[in-house]
Structures are given as C-alpha cells and as structure tokens.
PDB file of all heavy atoms in Angstrom:
ATOM      1  N   SER A   1     -13.100   7.669   8.882  1.00  0.00           N
ATOM      2  CA  SER A   1     -13.199   9.054   9.345  1.00  0.00           C
ATOM      3  C   SER A   1     -11.925   9.827   9.042  1.00  0.00           C
ATOM      4  O   SER A   1     -11.973  11.006   8.674  1.00  0.00           O
ATOM      5  CB  SER A   1     -13.467   9.085  10.858  1.00  0.00           C
ATOM      6  OG  SER A   1     -14.701   8.481  11.159  1.00  0.00           O
ATOM      7  N   PHE A   2     -10.785   9.178   9.175  1.00  0.00           N
ATOM      8  CA  PHE A   2      -9.475   9.793   8.945  1.00  0.00           C
ATOM      9  C   PHE A   2      -9.153   9.899   7.457  1.00  0.00           C
ATOM     10  O   PHE A   2      -8.802  10.972   6.942  1.00  0.00           O
ATOM     11  CB  PHE A   2      -8.433   8.947   9.678  1.00  0.00           C
ATOM     12  CG  PHE A   2      -6.992   9.308   9.456  1.00  0.00           C
ATOM     13  CD1 PHE A   2      -6.494  10.544   9.839  1.00  0.00           C
ATOM     14  CD2 PHE A   2      -6.105   8.379   8.919  1.00  0.00           C
ATOM     15  CE1 PHE A   2      -5.142  10.854   9.676  1.00  0.00           C
ATOM     16  CE2 PHE A   2      -4.759   8.669   8.751  1.00  0.00           C
ATOM     17  CZ  PHE A   2      -4.276   9.919   9.133  1.00  0.00           C
ATOM     18  N   LEU A   3      -9.303   8.799   6.746  1.00  0.00           N
ATOM     19  CA  LEU A   3      -8.838   8.729   5.361  1.00  0.00           C
ATOM     20  C   LEU A   3      -9.667   9.578   4.411  1.00  0.00           C
ATOM     21  O   LEU A   3      -9.180   9.969   3.350  1.00  0.00           O
ATOM     22  CB  LEU A   3      -8.827   7.270   4.884  1.00  0.00           C
ATOM     23  CG  LEU A   3      -7.814   6.349   5.577  1.00  0.00           C
ATOM     24  CD1 LEU A   3      -7.986   4.912   5.118  1.00  0.00           C
ATOM     25  CD2 LEU A   3      -6.380   6.821   5.330  1.00  0.00           C
ATOM     26  N   ARG A   4     -10.912   9.885   4.764  1.00  0.00           N
ATOM     27  CA  ARG A   4     -11.731  10.684   3.830  1.00  0.00           C
ATOM     28  C   ARG A   4     -11.175  12.094   3.639  1.00  0.00           C
ATOM     29  O   ARG A   4     -11.539  12.782   2.685  1.00  0.00           O
ATOM     30  CB  ARG A   4     -13.183  10.732   4.287  1.00  0.00           C
ATOM     31  CG  ARG A   4     -13.450  11.510   5.550  1.00  0.00           C
ATOM     32  CD  ARG A   4     -14.886  11.275   6.000  1.00  0.00           C
ATOM     33  NE  ARG A   4     -15.167  11.921   7.251  1.00  0.00           N
ATOM     34  CZ  ARG A   4     -16.109  12.841   7.429  1.00  0.00           C
ATOM     35  NH1 ARG A   4     -16.861  13.214   6.405  1.00  0.00           N
ATOM     36  NH2 ARG A   4     -16.308  13.374   8.603  1.00  0.00           N
ATOM     37  N   TYR A   5     -10.290  12.521   4.540  1.00  0.00           N
ATOM     38  CA  TYR A   5      -9.677  13.847   4.411  1.00  0.00           C
ATOM     39  C   TYR A   5      -8.333  13.808   3.682  1.00  0.00           C
ATOM     40  O   TYR A   5      -7.720  14.850   3.473  1.00  0.00           O
ATOM     41  CB  TYR A   5      -9.459  14.466   5.804  1.00  0.00           C
ATOM     42  CG  TYR A   5     -10.738  14.802   6.522  1.00  0.00           C
ATOM     43  CD1 TYR A   5     -11.196  14.006   7.558  1.00  0.00           C
ATOM     44  CD2 TYR A   5     -11.491  15.922   6.169  1.00  0.00           C
ATOM     45  CE1 TYR A   5     -12.372  14.307   8.231  1.00  0.00           C
ATOM     46  CE2 TYR A   5     -12.664  16.235   6.829  1.00  0.00           C
ATOM     47  CZ  TYR A   5     -13.098  15.428   7.866  1.00  0.00           C
ATOM     48  OH  TYR A   5     -14.268  15.731   8.520  1.00  0.00           O
ATOM     49  N   LEU A   6      -7.876  12.620   3.306  1.00  0.00           N
ATOM     50  CA  LEU A   6      -6.539  12.486   2.731  1.00  0.00           C
ATOM     51  C   LEU A   6      -6.596  12.179   1.243  1.00  0.00           C
ATOM     52  O   LEU A   6      -7.556  11.578   0.760  1.00  0.00           O
ATOM     53  CB  LEU A   6      -5.775  11.355   3.441  1.00  0.00           C
ATOM     54  CG  LEU A   6      -5.555  11.517   4.945  1.00  0.00           C
ATOM     55  CD1 LEU A   6      -4.682  10.387   5.473  1.00  0.00           C
ATOM     56  CD2 LEU A   6      -4.928  12.856   5.280  1.00  0.00           C
ATOM     57  N   PRO A   7      -5.547  12.575   0.510  1.00  0.00           N
ATOM     58  CA  PRO A   7      -5.497  12.252  -0.918  1.00  0.00           C
ATOM     59  C   PRO A   7      -5.154  10.784  -1.139  1.00  0.00           C
ATOM     60  O   PRO A   7      -4.772  10.066  -0.207  1.00  0.00           O
ATOM     61  CB  PRO A   7      -4.367  13.157  -1.429  1.00  0.00           C
ATOM     62  CG  PRO A   7      -3.469  13.342  -0.244  1.00  0.00           C
ATOM     63  CD  PRO A   7      -4.389  13.364   0.956  1.00  0.00           C
ATOM     64  N   GLU A   8      -5.291  10.342  -2.380  1.00  0.00           N
ATOM     65  CA  GLU A   8      -4.821   8.995  -2.731  1.00  0.00           C
ATOM     66  C   GLU A   8      -3.315   8.918  -2.513  1.00  0.00           C
ATOM     67  O   GLU A   8      -2.592   9.904  -2.682  1.00  0.00           O
ATOM     68  CB  GLU A   8      -5.122   8.705  -4.205  1.00  0.00           C
ATOM     69  CG  GLU A   8      -6.574   8.390  -4.499  1.00  0.00           C
ATOM     70  CD  GLU A   8      -6.744   7.926  -5.943  1.00  0.00           C
ATOM     71  OE1 GLU A   8      -6.104   6.914  -6.315  1.00  0.00           O
ATOM     72  OE2 GLU A   8      -7.480   8.586  -6.676  1.00  0.00           O
ATOM     73  N   HIS A   9      -2.840   7.728  -2.169  1.00  0.00           N
ATOM     74  CA  HIS A   9      -1.404   7.495  -1.959  1.00  0.00           C
ATOM     75  C   HIS A   9      -0.803   8.519  -0.996  1.00  0.00           C
ATOM     76  O   HIS A   9       0.287   9.054  -1.216  1.00  0.00           O
ATOM     77  CB  HIS A   9      -0.648   7.514  -3.300  1.00  0.00           C
ATOM     78  CG  HIS A   9      -1.302   6.687  -4.362  1.00  0.00           C
ATOM     79  ND1 HIS A   9      -1.492   5.316  -4.231  1.00  0.00           N
ATOM     80  CD2 HIS A   9      -1.847   7.033  -5.562  1.00  0.00           C
ATOM     81  CE1 HIS A   9      -2.109   4.864  -5.312  1.00  0.00           C
ATOM     82  NE2 HIS A   9      -2.342   5.870  -6.122  1.00  0.00           N
ATOM     83  N   ALA A  10      -1.547   8.809   0.057  1.00  0.00           N
ATOM     84  CA  ALA A  10      -1.115   9.814   1.029  1.00  0.00           C
ATOM     85  C   ALA A  10       0.111   9.342   1.795  1.00  0.00           C
ATOM     86  O   ALA A  10       0.347   8.142   1.965  1.00  0.00           O
ATOM     87  CB  ALA A  10      -2.253  10.103   2.006  1.00  0.00           C
ATOM     88  N   SER A  11       0.876  10.314   2.256  1.00  0.00           N
ATOM     89  CA  SER A  11       2.004  10.050   3.149  1.00  0.00           C
ATOM     90  C   SER A  11       1.474  10.098   4.589  1.00  0.00           C
ATOM     91  O   SER A  11       1.014  11.142   5.050  1.00  0.00           O
ATOM     92  CB  SER A  11       3.080  11.120   2.943  1.00  0.00           C
ATOM     93  OG  SER A  11       4.077  11.006   3.928  1.00  0.00           O
ATOM     94  N   ILE A  12       1.526   8.951   5.282  1.00  0.00           N
ATOM     95  CA  ILE A  12       0.949   8.831   6.621  1.00  0.00           C
ATOM     96  C   ILE A  12       2.011   8.384   7.610  1.00  0.00           C
ATOM     97  O   ILE A  12       2.782   7.467   7.331  1.00  0.00           O
ATOM     98  CB  ILE A  12      -0.213   7.813   6.632  1.00  0.00           C
ATOM     99  CG1 ILE A  12      -1.351   8.273   5.735  1.00  0.00           C
ATOM    100  CG2 ILE A  12      -0.723   7.586   8.061  1.00  0.00           C
ATOM    101  CD1 ILE A  12      -2.469   7.245   5.581  1.00  0.00           C
ATOM    102  N   LEU A  13       2.040   9.031   8.770  1.00  0.00           N
ATOM    103  CA  LEU A  13       2.873   8.586   9.884  1.00  0.00           C
ATOM    104  C   LEU A  13       1.974   7.966  10.949  1.00  0.00           C
ATOM    105  O   LEU A  13       1.044   8.607  11.435  1.00  0.00           O
ATOM    106  CB  LEU A  13       3.638   9.760  10.496  1.00  0.00           C
ATOM    107  CG  LEU A  13       4.434   9.428  11.776  1.00  0.00           C
ATOM    108  CD1 LEU A  13       5.556   8.436  11.475  1.00  0.00           C
ATOM    109  CD2 LEU A  13       4.987  10.699  12.424  1.00  0.00           C
ATOM    110  N   ASP A  14       2.257   6.713  11.293  1.00  0.00           N
ATOM    111  CA  ASP A  14       1.585   6.052  12.413  1.00  0.00           C
ATOM    112  C   ASP A  14       2.462   6.301  13.640  1.00  0.00           C
ATOM    113  O   ASP A  14       3.505   5.669  13.819  1.00  0.00           O
ATOM    114  CB  ASP A  14       1.415   4.558  12.135  1.00  0.00           C
ATOM    115  CG  ASP A  14       0.538   3.857  13.164  1.00  0.00           C
ATOM    116  OD1 ASP A  14       0.263   4.454  14.223  1.00  0.00           O
ATOM    117  OD2 ASP A  14       0.136   2.713  12.917  1.00  0.00           O
ATOM    118  N   LEU A  15       2.041   7.257  14.464  1.00  0.00           N
ATOM    119  CA  LEU A  15       2.848   7.750  15.583  1.00  0.00           C
ATOM    120  C   LEU A  15       2.479   6.994  16.857  1.00  0.00           C
ATOM    121  O   LEU A  15       1.467   7.267  17.481  1.00  0.00           O
ATOM    122  CB  LEU A  15       2.600   9.257  15.748  1.00  0.00           C
ATOM    123  CG  LEU A  15       3.410   9.996  16.810  1.00  0.00           C
ATOM    124  CD1 LEU A  15       4.900   9.898  16.538  1.00  0.00           C
ATOM    125  CD2 LEU A  15       2.975  11.465  16.870  1.00  0.00           C
ATOM    126  N   GLY A  16       3.319   6.021  17.209  1.00  0.00           N
ATOM    127  CA  GLY A  16       2.989   5.133  18.317  1.00  0.00           C
ATOM    128  C   GLY A  16       2.197   3.956  17.787  1.00  0.00           C
ATOM    129  O   GLY A  16       1.045   3.732  18.127  1.00  0.00           O
ATOM    130  N   CYS A  17       2.836   3.189  16.901  1.00  0.00           N
ATOM    131  CA  CYS A  17       2.102   2.224  16.070  1.00  0.00           C
ATOM    132  C   CYS A  17       1.733   0.937  16.801  1.00  0.00           C
ATOM    133  O   CYS A  17       0.933   0.158  16.293  1.00  0.00           O
ATOM    134  CB  CYS A  17       2.906   1.894  14.819  1.00  0.00           C
ATOM    135  SG  CYS A  17       4.441   0.977  15.135  1.00  0.00           S
ATOM    136  N   GLY A  18       2.324   0.698  17.988  1.00  0.00           N
ATOM    137  CA  GLY A  18       1.964  -0.517  18.727  1.00  0.00           C
ATOM    138  C   GLY A  18       2.205  -1.775  17.910  1.00  0.00           C
ATOM    139  O   GLY A  18       3.300  -2.006  17.395  1.00  0.00           O
ATOM    140  N   SER A  19       1.160  -2.551  17.737  1.00  0.00           N
ATOM    141  CA  SER A  19       1.273  -3.829  17.023  1.00  0.00           C
ATOM    142  C   SER A  19       1.562  -3.661  15.534  1.00  0.00           C
ATOM    143  O   SER A  19       1.996  -4.595  14.867  1.00  0.00           O
ATOM    144  CB  SER A  19      -0.031  -4.623  17.182  1.00  0.00           C
ATOM    145  OG  SER A  19      -1.099  -3.951  16.533  1.00  0.00           O
ATOM    146  N   GLY A  20       1.288  -2.473  14.990  1.00  0.00           N
ATOM    147  CA  GLY A  20       1.424  -2.251  13.551  1.00  0.00           C
ATOM    148  C   GLY A  20       0.131  -2.442  12.791  1.00  0.00           C
ATOM    149  O   GLY A  20       0.078  -2.291  11.570  1.00  0.00           O
ATOM    150  N   ARG A  21      -0.941  -2.749  13.502  1.00  0.00           N
ATOM    151  CA  ARG A  21      -2.251  -3.026  12.891  1.00  0.00           C
ATOM    152  C   ARG A  21      -2.692  -1.907  11.942  1.00  0.00           C
ATOM    153  O   ARG A  21      -3.081  -2.169  10.794  1.00  0.00           O
ATOM    154  CB  ARG A  21      -3.287  -3.175  14.022  1.00  0.00           C
ATOM    155  CG  ARG A  21      -4.735  -3.255  13.590  1.00  0.00           C
ATOM    156  CD  ARG A  21      -5.650  -2.961  14.774  1.00  0.00           C
ATOM    157  NE  ARG A  21      -5.491  -1.593  15.243  1.00  0.00           N
ATOM    158  CZ  ARG A  21      -5.651  -1.224  16.521  1.00  0.00           C
ATOM    159  NH1 ARG A  21      -5.962  -2.106  17.450  1.00  0.00           N
ATOM    160  NH2 ARG A  21      -5.486   0.045  16.857  1.00  0.00           N
ATOM    161  N   ASP A  22      -2.613  -0.662  12.405  1.00  0.00           N
ATOM    162  CA  ASP A  22      -3.135   0.441  11.597  1.00  0.00           C
ATOM    163  C   ASP A  22      -2.193   0.779  10.451  1.00  0.00           C
ATOM    164  O   ASP A  22      -2.641   1.062   9.334  1.00  0.00           O
ATOM    165  CB  ASP A  22      -3.379   1.660  12.489  1.00  0.00           C
ATOM    166  CG  ASP A  22      -4.311   1.346  13.655  1.00  0.00           C
ATOM    167  OD1 ASP A  22      -5.143   0.427  13.532  1.00  0.00           O
ATOM    168  OD2 ASP A  22      -4.205   2.014  14.699  1.00  0.00           O
ATOM    169  N   ALA A  23      -0.898   0.722  10.703  1.00  0.00           N
ATOM    170  CA  ALA A  23       0.072   0.960   9.629  1.00  0.00           C
ATOM    171  C   ALA A  23      -0.134  -0.039   8.494  1.00  0.00           C
ATOM    172  O   ALA A  23      -0.084   0.319   7.316  1.00  0.00           O
ATOM    173  CB  ALA A  23       1.500   0.864  10.178  1.00  0.00           C
ATOM    174  N   LEU A  24      -0.379  -1.306   8.850  1.00  0.00           N
ATOM    175  CA  LEU A  24      -0.628  -2.326   7.832  1.00  0.00           C
ATOM    176  C   LEU A  24      -1.900  -2.022   7.046  1.00  0.00           C
ATOM    177  O   LEU A  24      -1.925  -2.149   5.810  1.00  0.00           O
ATOM    178  CB  LEU A  24      -0.732  -3.709   8.480  1.00  0.00           C
ATOM    179  CG  LEU A  24      -1.036  -4.869   7.532  1.00  0.00           C
ATOM    180  CD1 LEU A  24       0.060  -5.038   6.494  1.00  0.00           C
ATOM    181  CD2 LEU A  24      -1.230  -6.168   8.323  1.00  0.00           C
ATOM    182  N   ALA A  25      -2.941  -1.585   7.735  1.00  0.00           N
ATOM    183  CA  ALA A  25      -4.194  -1.251   7.051  1.00  0.00           C
ATOM    184  C   ALA A  25      -3.980  -0.114   6.060  1.00  0.00           C
ATOM    185  O   ALA A  25      -4.431  -0.186   4.908  1.00  0.00           O
ATOM    186  CB  ALA A  25      -5.265  -0.875   8.068  1.00  0.00           C
ATOM    187  N   PHE A  26      -3.279   0.931   6.476  1.00  0.00           N
ATOM    188  CA  PHE A  26      -3.046   2.067   5.580  1.00  0.00           C
ATOM    189  C   PHE A  26      -2.167   1.654   4.396  1.00  0.00           C
ATOM    190  O   PHE A  26      -2.386   2.089   3.269  1.00  0.00           O
ATOM    191  CB  PHE A  26      -2.403   3.226   6.349  1.00  0.00           C
ATOM    192  CG  PHE A  26      -3.252   3.771   7.462  1.00  0.00           C
ATOM    193  CD1 PHE A  26      -2.691   4.185   8.658  1.00  0.00           C
ATOM    194  CD2 PHE A  26      -4.634   3.877   7.330  1.00  0.00           C
ATOM    195  CE1 PHE A  26      -3.464   4.694   9.683  1.00  0.00           C
ATOM    196  CE2 PHE A  26      -5.426   4.376   8.355  1.00  0.00           C
ATOM    197  CZ  PHE A  26      -4.835   4.785   9.536  1.00  0.00           C
ATOM    198  N   LYS A  27      -1.187   0.811   4.649  1.00  0.00           N
ATOM    199  CA  LYS A  27      -0.353   0.279   3.564  1.00  0.00           C
ATOM    200  C   LYS A  27      -1.224  -0.483   2.565  1.00  0.00           C
ATOM    201  O   LYS A  27      -1.085  -0.315   1.344  1.00  0.00           O
ATOM    202  CB  LYS A  27       0.725  -0.630   4.158  1.00  0.00           C
ATOM    203  CG  LYS A  27       1.587  -1.344   3.140  1.00  0.00           C
ATOM    204  CD  LYS A  27       2.545  -2.324   3.842  1.00  0.00           C
ATOM    205  CE  LYS A  27       3.251  -3.221   2.855  1.00  0.00           C
ATOM    206  NZ  LYS A  27       4.103  -4.232   3.541  1.00  0.00           N
ATOM    207  N   ASN A  28      -2.129  -1.314   3.074  1.00  0.00           N
ATOM    208  CA  ASN A  28      -2.984  -2.110   2.198  1.00  0.00           C
ATOM    209  C   ASN A  28      -3.987  -1.258   1.425  1.00  0.00           C
ATOM    210  O   ASN A  28      -4.471  -1.670   0.370  1.00  0.00           O
ATOM    211  CB  ASN A  28      -3.711  -3.184   3.003  1.00  0.00           C
ATOM    212  CG  ASN A  28      -2.769  -4.287   3.480  1.00  0.00           C
ATOM    213  OD1 ASN A  28      -1.679  -4.455   2.932  1.00  0.00           O
ATOM    214  ND2 ASN A  28      -3.171  -5.017   4.501  1.00  0.00           N
ATOM    215  N   PHE A  29      -4.301  -0.063   1.953  1.00  0.00           N
ATOM    216  CA  PHE A  29      -5.164   0.882   1.227  1.00  0.00           C
ATOM    217  C   PHE A  29      -4.395   1.634   0.150  1.00  0.00           C
ATOM    218  O   PHE A  29      -4.971   2.437  -0.583  1.00  0.00           O
ATOM    219  CB  PHE A  29      -5.787   1.902   2.186  1.00  0.00           C
ATOM    220  CG  PHE A  29      -6.899   1.353   3.050  1.00  0.00           C
ATOM    221  CD1 PHE A  29      -6.917   1.610   4.413  1.00  0.00           C
ATOM    222  CD2 PHE A  29      -7.934   0.613   2.508  1.00  0.00           C
ATOM    223  CE1 PHE A  29      -7.945   1.127   5.222  1.00  0.00           C
ATOM    224  CE2 PHE A  29      -8.966   0.128   3.298  1.00  0.00           C
ATOM    225  CZ  PHE A  29      -8.964   0.386   4.663  1.00  0.00           C
ATOM    226  N   GLY A  30      -3.074   1.417   0.063  1.00  0.00           N
ATOM    227  CA  GLY A  30      -2.277   2.037  -0.991  1.00  0.00           C
ATOM    228  C   GLY A  30      -1.571   3.315  -0.592  1.00  0.00           C
ATOM    229  O   GLY A  30      -1.080   4.054  -1.455  1.00  0.00           O
ATOM    230  N   HIS A  31      -1.486   3.588   0.706  1.00  0.00           N
ATOM    231  CA  HIS A  31      -0.823   4.805   1.160  1.00  0.00           C
ATOM    232  C   HIS A  31       0.661   4.545   1.440  1.00  0.00           C
ATOM    233  O   HIS A  31       1.092   3.401   1.614  1.00  0.00           O
ATOM    234  CB  HIS A  31      -1.526   5.347   2.408  1.00  0.00           C
ATOM    235  CG  HIS A  31      -2.953   5.731   2.149  1.00  0.00           C
ATOM    236  ND1 HIS A  31      -3.301   6.793   1.349  1.00  0.00           N
ATOM    237  CD2 HIS A  31      -4.121   5.175   2.563  1.00  0.00           C
ATOM    238  CE1 HIS A  31      -4.621   6.888   1.282  1.00  0.00           C
ATOM    239  NE2 HIS A  31      -5.139   5.907   2.004  1.00  0.00           N
ATOM    240  N   GLN A  32       1.428   5.630   1.501  1.00  0.00           N
ATOM    241  CA  GLN A  32       2.858   5.566   1.821  1.00  0.00           C
ATOM    242  C   GLN A  32       2.985   5.737   3.335  1.00  0.00           C
ATOM    243  O   GLN A  32       2.715   6.822   3.850  1.00  0.00           O
ATOM    244  CB  GLN A  32       3.617   6.681   1.089  1.00  0.00           C
ATOM    245  CG  GLN A  32       3.383   6.710  -0.412  1.00  0.00           C
ATOM    246  CD  GLN A  32       3.754   5.403  -1.076  1.00  0.00           C
ATOM    247  OE1 GLN A  32       4.849   4.884  -0.872  1.00  0.00           O
ATOM    248  NE2 GLN A  32       2.842   4.851  -1.872  1.00  0.00           N
ATOM    249  N   VAL A  33       3.374   4.702   4.031  1.00  0.00           N
ATOM    250  CA  VAL A  33       3.271   4.680   5.492  1.00  0.00           C
ATOM    251  C   VAL A  33       4.638   4.596   6.154  1.00  0.00           C
ATOM    252  O   VAL A  33       5.486   3.799   5.756  1.00  0.00           O
ATOM    253  CB  VAL A  33       2.403   3.490   5.966  1.00  0.00           C
ATOM    254  CG1 VAL A  33       2.191   3.548   7.478  1.00  0.00           C
ATOM    255  CG2 VAL A  33       1.061   3.481   5.238  1.00  0.00           C
ATOM    256  N   GLU A  34       4.822   5.430   7.161  1.00  0.00           N
ATOM    257  CA  GLU A  34       5.946   5.304   8.089  1.00  0.00           C
ATOM    258  C   GLU A  34       5.364   5.025   9.464  1.00  0.00           C
ATOM    259  O   GLU A  34       4.245   5.438   9.769  1.00  0.00           O
ATOM    260  CB  GLU A  34       6.786   6.582   8.126  1.00  0.00           C
ATOM    261  CG  GLU A  34       7.502   6.874   6.823  1.00  0.00           C
ATOM    262  CD  GLU A  34       8.345   8.142   6.909  1.00  0.00           C
ATOM    263  OE1 GLU A  34       8.733   8.546   8.026  1.00  0.00           O
ATOM    264  OE2 GLU A  34       8.595   8.739   5.858  1.00  0.00           O
ATOM    265  N   ALA A  35       6.120   4.335  10.306  1.00  0.00           N
ATOM    266  CA  ALA A  35       5.621   3.982  11.631  1.00  0.00           C
ATOM    267  C   ALA A  35       6.733   4.142  12.663  1.00  0.00           C
ATOM    268  O   ALA A  35       7.902   3.876  12.385  1.00  0.00           O
ATOM    269  CB  ALA A  35       5.098   2.548  11.638  1.00  0.00           C
TER     270      ALA A  35
END
C-alpha cells in the first residue's frame, strides 16, 4: 500500500523503527533507507 506511491530506489525514513523489521524489508526491496 505504501510502496506503490514511491519511485524506484526511493529515499525512505523508518521513523520509530523498533526491531528494524520494516527498514530491512525496504532495504531488500532496493530502497535507500534511514531508520
């Protein structure tokens, strides 16, 4: 639902990343991730 609005290799901030689960997923999808 989130990623369909973003470009390829998007710059994403995981704000309140907790375990890091979502940041890792976005990294594995090829995005540029900060957490």
